[in-house]
Protein backbone atom coordinates (compact mmCIF):
# COMPACT_ATOMS: atom_id res chain seq x y z
CA MET A 1 24.06 -168.03 -62.34
CA THR A 2 25.48 -167.92 -65.83
CA PRO A 3 24.32 -165.43 -68.45
CA GLU A 4 22.88 -168.37 -70.41
CA GLU A 5 20.79 -169.48 -67.41
CA LYS A 6 19.51 -165.94 -66.92
CA LYS A 7 18.60 -165.67 -70.61
CA GLU A 8 16.77 -169.01 -70.52
CA ILE A 9 14.75 -167.94 -67.47
CA LEU A 10 13.91 -164.55 -68.94
CA GLU A 11 13.05 -165.70 -72.46
CA THR A 12 11.70 -169.26 -72.24
CA TYR A 13 9.81 -171.74 -70.10
CA LYS A 14 12.29 -174.58 -70.71
CA TRP A 15 13.82 -174.10 -67.27
CA ILE A 16 10.58 -175.15 -65.54
CA LYS A 17 11.17 -178.81 -64.76
CA VAL A 18 7.55 -179.74 -64.01
CA LYS A 19 5.94 -181.64 -66.88
CA TYR A 20 2.89 -180.17 -68.55
CA TYR A 21 -0.46 -181.31 -67.21
CA GLN A 22 -1.99 -184.00 -69.38
CA LEU A 23 -5.77 -184.29 -69.23
CA ASP A 24 -6.87 -187.92 -69.01
CA GLU A 25 -10.36 -188.20 -70.53
CA ASN A 26 -10.74 -191.70 -69.07
CA LYS A 27 -10.84 -190.35 -65.52
CA SER A 28 -13.81 -188.85 -63.75
CA TRP A 29 -13.95 -185.10 -63.37
CA GLU A 30 -13.09 -185.53 -59.67
CA GLU A 31 -9.95 -187.50 -60.52
CA ARG A 32 -8.97 -184.99 -63.19
CA TYR A 33 -9.47 -182.15 -60.73
CA ARG A 34 -7.25 -183.89 -58.14
CA ASP A 35 -4.60 -184.49 -60.81
CA LEU A 36 -4.73 -180.85 -61.90
CA GLU A 37 -4.53 -179.64 -58.31
CA LYS A 38 -1.54 -181.93 -57.66
CA HIS A 39 0.13 -180.56 -60.79
CA HIS A 40 -0.40 -176.97 -59.64
CA TRP A 41 1.09 -177.76 -56.23
CA GLU A 42 4.16 -179.34 -57.85
CA GLU A 43 4.61 -176.37 -60.18
CA THR A 44 4.10 -173.83 -57.41
CA ASN A 45 6.57 -175.56 -55.10
CA PHE A 46 9.13 -175.77 -57.90
CA LEU A 47 8.78 -172.05 -58.66
CA ILE A 48 9.03 -171.06 -55.00
CA ALA A 49 12.19 -173.16 -54.63
CA LYS A 50 13.65 -171.53 -57.74
CA ILE A 51 12.91 -168.04 -56.42
CA ARG A 52 14.59 -168.92 -53.13
CA GLU A 53 17.62 -170.25 -55.04
CA ILE A 54 17.88 -167.02 -57.06
CA ILE A 55 17.49 -164.85 -53.94
CA GLU A 56 20.37 -166.69 -52.27
CA LEU A 57 22.56 -165.72 -55.22
CA ILE A 58 21.98 -161.99 -54.85
């Protein structure tokens, strides 16, 4: 991992490749909840994969 990559991880959120959750007011609260839950799963899985990648480097 380059010093630039380390700096980006430590100082920003740009390295997180999961798009921000966008609330869709046209959906029911149930649909919005499912969308939000799906987003959290995607983000969590991405972060776990990134941690595993970093651990392999050390």
